[in-house]
Amino acid sequence: MTLILFNKPYGVLCQFTDEREGPPRPTLADFIKVPAVYAAGRLDTDSEGLLLLTDDGRLQARIADPRFKTPKTYLVQVEGEPDETALDSLRRGVKLKDGMTLPAEAERIDDPALWPRDPPVRFRKTVADCWIKLTIREGRNRQVRRMTAAVGHPTLRLVRWRIGEWSLDGLTQGEWREASPD
């Protein structure tokens, strides 16, 4: 059984081929040359960070299926400076168009020591920003971005740092390593 931890850069598709017409976009195949592995879950093209890949269908389901409620931790740069009311809303669950989210763990954090993003996040001199750490246990489409927007703080940069017990520790952008599936 193979399990790969990959630090996905911004702009890379979470698949091995790009079926879209037009100029080719970077895919997992540009970074990972291991046959017969597939992403366990997804990470949007405009998001960065931890992506797990495996050749084991059961492990893939355990990681990706929402009924297992695997915790996923994100470092999120948001517009503005969320107060305790906004963070408490995230902690209780946020009403989105597709229903209430499960309660999340949410806290403000110091700016993390991350790699530079290419292209860089567009900064506005008149609008403050800060970082929060957000842990969710479900995986709706663009959920973290929708949650932060729902509490009045749109996401500027999104980095998934941890899935269950696996994290990005020691992986620079675009790097991968094999890990124990246990």
N, C-alpha and C. Protein backbone atom coordinates (compact mmCIF):
# COMPACT_ATOMS: atom_id res chain seq x y z
N MET A 1 0.85 -1.18 0.00
CA MET A 1 0.00 0.00 0.00
C MET A 1 0.90 1.24 0.00
N THR A 2 0.58 2.16 -0.88
CA THR A 2 1.35 3.40 -1.00
C THR A 2 0.52 4.57 -0.50
N LEU A 3 1.16 5.44 0.29
CA LEU A 3 0.54 6.70 0.69
C LEU A 3 1.57 7.80 0.47
N ILE A 4 1.18 8.80 -0.30
CA ILE A 4 2.06 9.91 -0.63
C ILE A 4 1.49 11.19 -0.04
N LEU A 5 2.35 11.95 0.63
CA LEU A 5 2.00 13.29 1.11
C LEU A 5 2.63 14.27 0.14
N PHE A 6 1.83 15.14 -0.45
CA PHE A 6 2.30 16.08 -1.47
C PHE A 6 1.92 17.49 -1.06
N ASN A 7 2.88 18.40 -1.16
CA ASN A 7 2.63 19.82 -0.89
C ASN A 7 2.28 20.47 -2.23
N LYS A 8 0.99 20.52 -2.53
CA LYS A 8 0.50 21.01 -3.82
C LYS A 8 0.67 22.53 -3.92
N PRO A 9 1.36 22.97 -4.98
CA PRO A 9 1.46 24.41 -5.20
C PRO A 9 0.16 25.01 -5.72
N TYR A 10 0.04 26.31 -5.57
CA TYR A 10 -1.06 27.08 -6.14
C TYR A 10 -1.06 26.86 -7.65
N GLY A 11 -2.25 26.69 -8.24
CA GLY A 11 -2.38 26.58 -9.68
C GLY A 11 -2.25 25.18 -10.25
N VAL A 12 -1.97 24.18 -9.41
CA VAL A 12 -1.82 22.80 -9.89
C VAL A 12 -3.15 22.08 -9.74
N LEU A 13 -3.57 21.38 -10.81
CA LEU A 13 -4.80 20.59 -10.78
C LEU A 13 -4.60 19.36 -9.91
N CYS A 14 -5.64 18.92 -9.22
CA CYS A 14 -5.60 17.72 -8.37
C CYS A 14 -5.92 16.47 -9.17
N GLN A 15 -5.39 16.37 -10.35
CA GLN A 15 -5.56 15.20 -11.20
C GLN A 15 -4.31 15.07 -12.05
N PHE A 16 -4.18 13.93 -12.72
CA PHE A 16 -2.96 13.66 -13.49
C PHE A 16 -3.06 14.11 -14.94
N THR A 17 -4.25 14.47 -15.41
CA THR A 17 -4.41 14.97 -16.77
C THR A 17 -5.29 16.21 -16.75
N ASP A 18 -5.13 17.02 -17.79
CA ASP A 18 -5.95 18.22 -17.95
C ASP A 18 -6.77 18.04 -19.21
N GLU A 19 -8.07 17.84 -19.04
CA GLU A 19 -8.93 17.60 -20.19
C GLU A 19 -9.46 18.87 -20.83
N ARG A 20 -9.17 20.01 -20.24
CA ARG A 20 -9.68 21.27 -20.76
C ARG A 20 -8.93 21.67 -22.03
N GLU A 21 -9.67 22.24 -22.96
CA GLU A 21 -9.05 22.78 -24.18
C GLU A 21 -8.24 24.01 -23.82
N GLY A 22 -7.25 24.33 -24.61
CA GLY A 22 -6.47 25.53 -24.38
C GLY A 22 -5.09 25.20 -23.89
N PRO A 23 -4.40 26.21 -23.39
CA PRO A 23 -3.03 25.97 -22.92
C PRO A 23 -3.02 24.98 -21.76
N PRO A 24 -2.03 24.09 -21.74
CA PRO A 24 -1.99 23.09 -20.66
C PRO A 24 -1.73 23.74 -19.31
N ARG A 25 -2.38 23.17 -18.28
CA ARG A 25 -2.18 23.61 -16.91
C ARG A 25 -1.36 22.56 -16.18
N PRO A 26 -0.62 22.96 -15.14
CA PRO A 26 0.16 21.96 -14.39
C PRO A 26 -0.77 20.98 -13.68
N THR A 27 -0.36 19.72 -13.67
CA THR A 27 -1.13 18.65 -13.03
C THR A 27 -0.23 17.87 -12.08
N LEU A 28 -0.81 16.91 -11.38
CA LEU A 28 -0.03 16.06 -10.48
C LEU A 28 1.07 15.32 -11.23
N ALA A 29 0.85 15.01 -12.50
CA ALA A 29 1.84 14.29 -13.30
C ALA A 29 3.14 15.07 -13.45
N ASP A 30 3.08 16.38 -13.30
CA ASP A 30 4.29 17.20 -13.39
C ASP A 30 5.18 17.06 -12.15
N PHE A 31 4.65 16.47 -11.09
CA PHE A 31 5.38 16.36 -9.83
C PHE A 31 5.58 14.93 -9.36
N ILE A 32 4.60 14.06 -9.61
CA ILE A 32 4.59 12.73 -9.01
C ILE A 32 4.63 11.69 -10.12
N LYS A 33 5.68 10.86 -10.10
CA LYS A 33 5.88 9.83 -11.14
C LYS A 33 5.64 8.43 -10.57
N VAL A 34 4.72 8.30 -9.65
CA VAL A 34 4.40 7.02 -9.04
C VAL A 34 3.14 6.49 -9.74
N PRO A 35 3.19 5.28 -10.30
CA PRO A 35 2.01 4.77 -11.02
C PRO A 35 0.87 4.36 -10.09
N ALA A 36 -0.35 4.49 -10.59
CA ALA A 36 -1.56 3.94 -9.98
C ALA A 36 -1.89 4.53 -8.61
N VAL A 37 -1.53 5.78 -8.35
CA VAL A 37 -1.99 6.44 -7.14
C VAL A 37 -3.00 7.52 -7.54
N TYR A 38 -3.94 7.78 -6.63
CA TYR A 38 -5.00 8.75 -6.89
C TYR A 38 -5.21 9.61 -5.66
N ALA A 39 -5.65 10.82 -5.89
CA ALA A 39 -5.88 11.74 -4.78
C ALA A 39 -7.00 11.25 -3.89
N ALA A 40 -6.77 11.31 -2.60
CA ALA A 40 -7.80 10.99 -1.61
C ALA A 40 -8.41 12.33 -1.18
N GLY A 41 -9.43 12.74 -1.88
CA GLY A 41 -10.02 14.05 -1.68
C GLY A 41 -9.45 15.02 -2.70
N ARG A 42 -9.88 16.26 -2.60
CA ARG A 42 -9.46 17.25 -3.58
C ARG A 42 -8.97 18.51 -2.88
N LEU A 43 -8.27 19.30 -3.64
CA LEU A 43 -7.84 20.62 -3.19
C LEU A 43 -7.96 21.51 -4.42
N ASP A 44 -8.72 22.58 -4.29
CA ASP A 44 -8.96 23.46 -5.44
C ASP A 44 -7.66 23.93 -6.07
N THR A 45 -7.72 24.25 -7.34
CA THR A 45 -6.55 24.74 -8.06
C THR A 45 -5.97 25.97 -7.39
N ASP A 46 -6.83 26.84 -6.84
CA ASP A 46 -6.34 28.07 -6.22
C ASP A 46 -6.05 27.91 -4.72
N SER A 47 -5.97 26.67 -4.26
CA SER A 47 -5.57 26.37 -2.88
C SER A 47 -4.25 25.62 -2.91
N GLU A 48 -3.56 25.65 -1.78
CA GLU A 48 -2.24 25.04 -1.68
C GLU A 48 -2.23 24.05 -0.53
N GLY A 49 -1.17 23.26 -0.48
CA GLY A 49 -0.94 22.47 0.71
C GLY A 49 -1.10 20.98 0.54
N LEU A 50 -1.43 20.33 1.66
CA LEU A 50 -1.38 18.89 1.76
C LEU A 50 -2.44 18.20 0.91
N LEU A 51 -1.97 17.31 0.05
CA LEU A 51 -2.82 16.43 -0.72
C LEU A 51 -2.29 15.02 -0.49
N LEU A 52 -3.18 14.09 -0.14
CA LEU A 52 -2.79 12.70 0.05
C LEU A 52 -3.15 11.92 -1.19
N LEU A 53 -2.24 11.04 -1.62
CA LEU A 53 -2.49 10.17 -2.76
C LEU A 53 -2.21 8.75 -2.32
N THR A 54 -3.01 7.81 -2.80
CA THR A 54 -2.84 6.42 -2.42
C THR A 54 -3.27 5.49 -3.55
N ASP A 55 -2.81 4.26 -3.47
CA ASP A 55 -3.25 3.23 -4.41
C ASP A 55 -4.26 2.28 -3.76
N ASP A 56 -4.69 2.60 -2.53
CA ASP A 56 -5.59 1.74 -1.77
C ASP A 56 -6.98 2.38 -1.68
N GLY A 57 -7.98 1.74 -2.28
CA GLY A 57 -9.33 2.28 -2.31
C GLY A 57 -9.95 2.47 -0.94
N ARG A 58 -9.70 1.52 -0.02
CA ARG A 58 -10.26 1.66 1.33
C ARG A 58 -9.68 2.85 2.06
N LEU A 59 -8.37 3.03 1.95
CA LEU A 59 -7.73 4.17 2.60
C LEU A 59 -8.23 5.47 1.97
N GLN A 60 -8.36 5.48 0.66
CA GLN A 60 -8.86 6.66 -0.04
C GLN A 60 -10.25 7.03 0.49
N ALA A 61 -11.12 6.04 0.64
CA ALA A 61 -12.47 6.29 1.15
C ALA A 61 -12.44 6.78 2.60
N ARG A 62 -11.59 6.18 3.42
CA ARG A 62 -11.50 6.58 4.83
C ARG A 62 -11.07 8.03 4.97
N ILE A 63 -10.18 8.47 4.09
CA ILE A 63 -9.68 9.84 4.14
C ILE A 63 -10.71 10.82 3.59
N ALA A 64 -11.32 10.47 2.46
CA ALA A 64 -12.14 11.43 1.72
C ALA A 64 -13.62 11.42 2.08
N ASP A 65 -14.15 10.29 2.53
CA ASP A 65 -15.59 10.19 2.76
C ASP A 65 -16.00 11.00 3.99
N PRO A 66 -16.95 11.94 3.82
CA PRO A 66 -17.36 12.80 4.95
C PRO A 66 -17.89 12.04 6.16
N ARG A 67 -18.41 10.84 5.98
CA ARG A 67 -18.98 10.14 7.14
C ARG A 67 -17.92 9.72 8.15
N PHE A 68 -16.64 9.69 7.74
CA PHE A 68 -15.57 9.35 8.67
C PHE A 68 -15.10 10.57 9.45
N LYS A 69 -15.52 11.77 9.02
CA LYS A 69 -15.23 13.03 9.72
C LYS A 69 -13.74 13.21 10.04
N THR A 70 -12.89 12.88 9.08
CA THR A 70 -11.45 13.08 9.24
C THR A 70 -11.17 14.58 9.37
N PRO A 71 -10.50 15.01 10.43
CA PRO A 71 -10.23 16.44 10.58
C PRO A 71 -9.22 16.93 9.55
N LYS A 72 -9.50 18.10 8.99
CA LYS A 72 -8.61 18.74 8.03
C LYS A 72 -8.35 20.15 8.54
N THR A 73 -7.07 20.49 8.71
CA THR A 73 -6.68 21.78 9.26
C THR A 73 -6.10 22.66 8.17
N TYR A 74 -6.61 23.88 8.12
CA TYR A 74 -6.21 24.85 7.11
C TYR A 74 -5.63 26.08 7.78
N LEU A 75 -4.60 26.66 7.17
CA LEU A 75 -4.11 27.98 7.53
C LEU A 75 -4.71 28.92 6.50
N VAL A 76 -5.47 29.90 6.97
CA VAL A 76 -6.28 30.72 6.08
C VAL A 76 -5.95 32.20 6.30
N GLN A 77 -5.48 32.83 5.25
CA GLN A 77 -5.29 34.28 5.30
C GLN A 77 -6.61 34.91 4.87
N VAL A 78 -7.16 35.74 5.73
CA VAL A 78 -8.46 36.34 5.45
C VAL A 78 -8.36 37.85 5.38
N GLU A 79 -9.31 38.42 4.68
CA GLU A 79 -9.42 39.88 4.62
C GLU A 79 -10.04 40.36 5.92
N GLY A 80 -9.48 41.43 6.45
CA GLY A 80 -9.99 41.95 7.72
C GLY A 80 -9.40 41.21 8.90
N GLU A 81 -9.91 41.53 10.08
CA GLU A 81 -9.43 40.90 11.31
C GLU A 81 -10.62 40.37 12.09
N PRO A 82 -10.89 39.06 11.96
CA PRO A 82 -12.06 38.50 12.63
C PRO A 82 -11.99 38.68 14.15
N ASP A 83 -13.12 39.10 14.72
CA ASP A 83 -13.20 39.22 16.17
C ASP A 83 -13.74 37.90 16.74
N GLU A 84 -13.91 37.86 18.05
CA GLU A 84 -14.38 36.62 18.69
C GLU A 84 -15.78 36.23 18.21
N THR A 85 -16.60 37.20 17.86
CA THR A 85 -17.95 36.89 17.36
C THR A 85 -17.86 36.10 16.06
N ALA A 86 -16.99 36.53 15.15
CA ALA A 86 -16.82 35.82 13.88
C ALA A 86 -16.23 34.43 14.11
N LEU A 87 -15.22 34.34 14.98
CA LEU A 87 -14.61 33.04 15.27
C LEU A 87 -15.61 32.11 15.95
N ASP A 88 -16.44 32.65 16.86
CA ASP A 88 -17.47 31.83 17.52
C ASP A 88 -18.49 31.31 16.50
N SER A 89 -18.81 32.12 15.51
CA SER A 89 -19.72 31.65 14.45
C SER A 89 -19.13 30.44 13.74
N LEU A 90 -17.85 30.50 13.42
CA LEU A 90 -17.19 29.35 12.78
C LEU A 90 -17.19 28.15 13.71
N ARG A 91 -16.98 28.39 15.00
CA ARG A 91 -16.93 27.30 15.98
C ARG A 91 -18.29 26.62 16.16
N ARG A 92 -19.37 27.38 15.99
CA ARG A 92 -20.72 26.82 16.15
C ARG A 92 -21.23 26.15 14.87
N GLY A 93 -20.69 26.59 13.73
CA GLY A 93 -21.20 26.14 12.43
C GLY A 93 -21.82 27.32 11.73
N VAL A 94 -21.66 27.37 10.43
CA VAL A 94 -22.09 28.51 9.63
C VAL A 94 -23.17 28.06 8.66
N LYS A 95 -24.19 28.89 8.48
CA LYS A 95 -25.24 28.58 7.52
C LYS A 95 -24.76 28.97 6.13
N LEU A 96 -24.69 27.97 5.25
CA LEU A 96 -24.33 28.18 3.85
C LEU A 96 -25.55 27.84 2.99
N LYS A 97 -25.48 28.10 1.70
CA LYS A 97 -26.62 27.82 0.82
C LYS A 97 -27.01 26.34 0.85
N ASP A 98 -26.05 25.45 1.09
CA ASP A 98 -26.34 24.02 1.13
C ASP A 98 -26.51 23.50 2.56
N GLY A 99 -26.81 24.41 3.51
CA GLY A 99 -27.10 24.00 4.88
C GLY A 99 -26.02 24.39 5.87
N MET A 100 -26.26 24.05 7.12
CA MET A 100 -25.31 24.36 8.20
C MET A 100 -24.07 23.48 8.09
N THR A 101 -22.92 24.10 8.38
CA THR A 101 -21.70 23.31 8.48
C THR A 101 -21.61 22.71 9.88
N LEU A 102 -20.80 21.70 10.03
CA LEU A 102 -20.51 21.18 11.36
C LEU A 102 -19.68 22.22 12.10
N PRO A 103 -19.69 22.19 13.43
CA PRO A 103 -18.82 23.10 14.17
C PRO A 103 -17.36 22.88 13.77
N ALA A 104 -16.61 23.97 13.75
CA ALA A 104 -15.19 23.93 13.39
C ALA A 104 -14.36 24.41 14.56
N GLU A 105 -13.08 24.09 14.54
CA GLU A 105 -12.13 24.70 15.47
C GLU A 105 -11.57 25.91 14.75
N ALA A 106 -11.58 27.07 15.40
CA ALA A 106 -11.12 28.30 14.75
C ALA A 106 -10.37 29.15 15.75
N GLU A 107 -9.20 29.65 15.34
CA GLU A 107 -8.43 30.55 16.17
C GLU A 107 -7.55 31.44 15.30
N ARG A 108 -7.33 32.66 15.78
CA ARG A 108 -6.36 33.54 15.11
C ARG A 108 -4.97 33.04 15.42
N ILE A 109 -4.08 33.16 14.42
CA ILE A 109 -2.68 32.74 14.61
C ILE A 109 -1.76 33.83 14.08
N ASP A 110 -0.50 33.79 14.50
CA ASP A 110 0.51 34.68 13.93
C ASP A 110 0.74 34.28 12.48
N ASP A 111 1.27 35.19 11.69
CA ASP A 111 1.57 34.87 10.30
C ASP A 111 2.49 33.65 10.25
N PRO A 112 2.08 32.59 9.56
CA PRO A 112 2.91 31.38 9.49
C PRO A 112 4.11 31.59 8.58
N ALA A 113 5.16 30.84 8.81
CA ALA A 113 6.35 30.88 7.97
C ALA A 113 6.13 29.95 6.78
N LEU A 114 5.53 30.49 5.73
CA LEU A 114 5.21 29.70 4.54
C LEU A 114 6.08 30.15 3.37
N TRP A 115 6.12 29.33 2.35
CA TRP A 115 6.78 29.65 1.10
C TRP A 115 6.03 30.80 0.43
N PRO A 116 6.70 31.58 -0.41
CA PRO A 116 5.98 32.63 -1.14
C PRO A 116 5.02 32.01 -2.15
N ARG A 117 3.89 32.62 -2.31
CA ARG A 117 2.93 32.12 -3.30
C ARG A 117 3.20 32.78 -4.64
N ASP A 118 3.06 32.00 -5.72
CA ASP A 118 3.23 32.52 -7.07
C ASP A 118 1.97 32.22 -7.85
N PRO A 119 1.17 33.24 -8.21
CA PRO A 119 1.40 34.66 -8.00
C PRO A 119 1.10 35.05 -6.56
N PRO A 120 1.71 36.15 -6.10
CA PRO A 120 1.47 36.58 -4.72
C PRO A 120 0.02 37.02 -4.51
N VAL A 121 -0.41 36.95 -3.26
CA VAL A 121 -1.74 37.44 -2.89
C VAL A 121 -1.75 38.95 -3.11
N ARG A 122 -2.82 39.45 -3.68
CA ARG A 122 -2.95 40.89 -3.92
C ARG A 122 -3.27 41.57 -2.59
N PHE A 123 -2.42 42.46 -2.17
CA PHE A 123 -2.63 43.19 -0.93
C PHE A 123 -3.23 44.55 -1.20
N ARG A 124 -4.08 44.98 -0.29
CA ARG A 124 -4.67 46.32 -0.37
C ARG A 124 -4.25 47.09 0.86
N LYS A 125 -3.63 48.23 0.65
CA LYS A 125 -3.10 49.02 1.76
C LYS A 125 -4.18 49.44 2.74
N THR A 126 -5.41 49.61 2.26
CA THR A 126 -6.48 50.12 3.12
C THR A 126 -7.27 49.02 3.83
N VAL A 127 -6.96 47.75 3.54
CA VAL A 127 -7.69 46.64 4.16
C VAL A 127 -6.71 45.73 4.88
N ALA A 128 -6.92 45.56 6.17
CA ALA A 128 -6.06 44.68 6.96
C ALA A 128 -6.33 43.22 6.59
N ASP A 129 -5.41 42.36 6.96
CA ASP A 129 -5.62 40.92 6.80
C ASP A 129 -4.97 40.23 7.98
N CYS A 130 -5.36 38.98 8.20
CA CYS A 130 -4.73 38.19 9.25
C CYS A 130 -4.90 36.72 8.91
N TRP A 131 -4.31 35.87 9.73
CA TRP A 131 -4.36 34.42 9.52
C TRP A 131 -5.20 33.77 10.62
N ILE A 132 -5.95 32.77 10.23
CA ILE A 132 -6.65 31.93 11.19
C ILE A 132 -6.31 30.47 10.90
N LYS A 133 -6.41 29.65 11.92
CA LYS A 133 -6.29 28.20 11.75
C LYS A 133 -7.70 27.65 11.91
N LEU A 134 -8.14 26.89 10.91
CA LEU A 134 -9.50 26.39 10.88
C LEU A 134 -9.46 24.88 10.64
N THR A 135 -10.10 24.12 11.53
CA THR A 135 -10.18 22.67 11.38
C THR A 135 -11.63 22.28 11.17
N ILE A 136 -11.88 21.59 10.06
CA ILE A 136 -13.23 21.14 9.73
C ILE A 136 -13.24 19.62 9.66
N ARG A 137 -14.44 19.04 9.71
CA ARG A 137 -14.58 17.58 9.67
C ARG A 137 -15.56 17.13 8.58
N GLU A 138 -15.67 17.95 7.57
CA GLU A 138 -16.45 17.60 6.40
C GLU A 138 -15.70 18.18 5.21
N GLY A 139 -16.21 18.05 4.03
CA GLY A 139 -15.46 18.53 2.88
C GLY A 139 -16.34 18.96 1.73
N ARG A 140 -17.18 19.94 1.98
CA ARG A 140 -18.03 20.46 0.90
C ARG A 140 -17.19 21.26 -0.08
N ASN A 141 -17.75 21.45 -1.25
CA ASN A 141 -17.06 22.20 -2.30
C ASN A 141 -16.74 23.62 -1.81
N ARG A 142 -15.46 23.97 -1.83
CA ARG A 142 -14.97 25.30 -1.45
C ARG A 142 -15.48 25.73 -0.07
N GLN A 143 -15.59 24.78 0.83
CA GLN A 143 -16.23 25.02 2.12
C GLN A 143 -15.52 26.08 2.95
N VAL A 144 -14.21 26.00 3.09
CA VAL A 144 -13.51 26.97 3.94
C VAL A 144 -13.69 28.38 3.40
N ARG A 145 -13.57 28.55 2.10
CA ARG A 145 -13.76 29.87 1.49
C ARG A 145 -15.17 30.39 1.74
N ARG A 146 -16.15 29.53 1.61
CA ARG A 146 -17.54 29.95 1.83
C ARG A 146 -17.79 30.26 3.31
N MET A 147 -17.16 29.51 4.21
CA MET A 147 -17.35 29.77 5.64
C MET A 147 -16.76 31.12 6.05
N THR A 148 -15.53 31.41 5.61
CA THR A 148 -14.93 32.69 6.00
C THR A 148 -15.70 33.86 5.39
N ALA A 149 -16.17 33.69 4.16
CA ALA A 149 -16.97 34.76 3.54
C ALA A 149 -18.27 34.97 4.31
N ALA A 150 -18.88 33.87 4.80
CA ALA A 150 -20.15 33.96 5.51
C ALA A 150 -20.03 34.76 6.81
N VAL A 151 -18.83 34.79 7.39
CA VAL A 151 -18.64 35.57 8.62
C VAL A 151 -17.98 36.92 8.32
N GLY A 152 -17.96 37.30 7.04
CA GLY A 152 -17.50 38.63 6.66
C GLY A 152 -16.01 38.79 6.43
N HIS A 153 -15.30 37.68 6.24
CA HIS A 153 -13.84 37.74 6.07
C HIS A 153 -13.42 36.82 4.91
N PRO A 154 -13.51 37.32 3.67
CA PRO A 154 -13.17 36.49 2.51
C PRO A 154 -11.74 35.95 2.59
N THR A 155 -11.56 34.75 2.08
CA THR A 155 -10.25 34.10 2.05
C THR A 155 -9.37 34.72 0.97
N LEU A 156 -8.15 35.04 1.35
CA LEU A 156 -7.15 35.53 0.41
C LEU A 156 -6.18 34.42 0.00
N ARG A 157 -5.81 33.59 0.95
CA ARG A 157 -4.89 32.47 0.69
C ARG A 157 -5.31 31.30 1.57
N LEU A 158 -5.27 30.10 0.98
CA LEU A 158 -5.75 28.91 1.69
C LEU A 158 -4.71 27.80 1.55
N VAL A 159 -4.20 27.34 2.70
CA VAL A 159 -3.18 26.29 2.74
C VAL A 159 -3.68 25.18 3.65
N ARG A 160 -3.89 23.98 3.08
CA ARG A 160 -4.26 22.85 3.94
C ARG A 160 -2.97 22.33 4.57
N TRP A 161 -2.95 22.31 5.90
CA TRP A 161 -1.75 21.93 6.63
C TRP A 161 -1.80 20.49 7.12
N ARG A 162 -2.97 20.00 7.46
CA ARG A 162 -3.06 18.67 8.08
C ARG A 162 -4.34 17.96 7.63
N ILE A 163 -4.22 16.64 7.46
CA ILE A 163 -5.38 15.76 7.25
C ILE A 163 -5.20 14.62 8.24
N GLY A 164 -6.09 14.51 9.21
CA GLY A 164 -5.94 13.48 10.24
C GLY A 164 -4.60 13.63 10.93
N GLU A 165 -3.80 12.57 10.91
CA GLU A 165 -2.48 12.59 11.56
C GLU A 165 -1.35 13.02 10.63
N TRP A 166 -1.64 13.20 9.35
CA TRP A 166 -0.60 13.55 8.38
C TRP A 166 -0.53 15.06 8.20
N SER A 167 0.69 15.60 8.11
CA SER A 167 0.83 17.05 7.95
C SER A 167 1.93 17.39 6.95
N LEU A 168 2.02 18.68 6.65
CA LEU A 168 3.03 19.20 5.73
C LEU A 168 4.41 19.35 6.37
N ASP A 169 4.53 19.09 7.66
CA ASP A 169 5.82 19.28 8.33
C ASP A 169 6.95 18.70 7.49
N GLY A 170 7.95 19.56 7.20
CA GLY A 170 9.14 19.11 6.48
C GLY A 170 9.01 19.06 4.97
N LEU A 171 7.85 19.40 4.41
CA LEU A 171 7.67 19.37 2.96
C LEU A 171 7.63 20.79 2.42
N THR A 172 8.50 21.10 1.49
CA THR A 172 8.43 22.39 0.84
C THR A 172 7.48 22.30 -0.35
N GLN A 173 7.14 23.43 -0.89
CA GLN A 173 6.18 23.49 -2.00
C GLN A 173 6.65 22.63 -3.17
N GLY A 174 5.74 21.79 -3.68
CA GLY A 174 6.04 20.93 -4.81
C GLY A 174 6.73 19.63 -4.45
N GLU A 175 7.08 19.42 -3.18
CA GLU A 175 7.74 18.19 -2.75
C GLU A 175 6.71 17.16 -2.28
N TRP A 176 7.14 15.88 -2.32
CA TRP A 176 6.30 14.81 -1.80
C TRP A 176 7.19 13.77 -1.14
N ARG A 177 6.56 12.97 -0.28
CA ARG A 177 7.25 11.85 0.34
C ARG A 177 6.25 10.75 0.63
N GLU A 178 6.74 9.54 0.74
CA GLU A 178 5.87 8.44 1.13
C GLU A 178 5.74 8.45 2.66
N ALA A 179 4.60 7.99 3.13
CA ALA A 179 4.33 7.95 4.56
C ALA A 179 3.65 6.64 4.90
N SER A 180 3.61 6.36 6.18
CA SER A 180 2.93 5.17 6.65
C SER A 180 1.42 5.43 6.67
N PRO A 181 0.62 4.52 6.09
CA PRO A 181 -0.82 4.72 6.11
C PRO A 181 -1.44 4.53 7.49
N ASP A 182 -0.67 4.06 8.46
CA ASP A 182 -1.18 3.87 9.81
C ASP A 182 -1.11 5.16 10.58
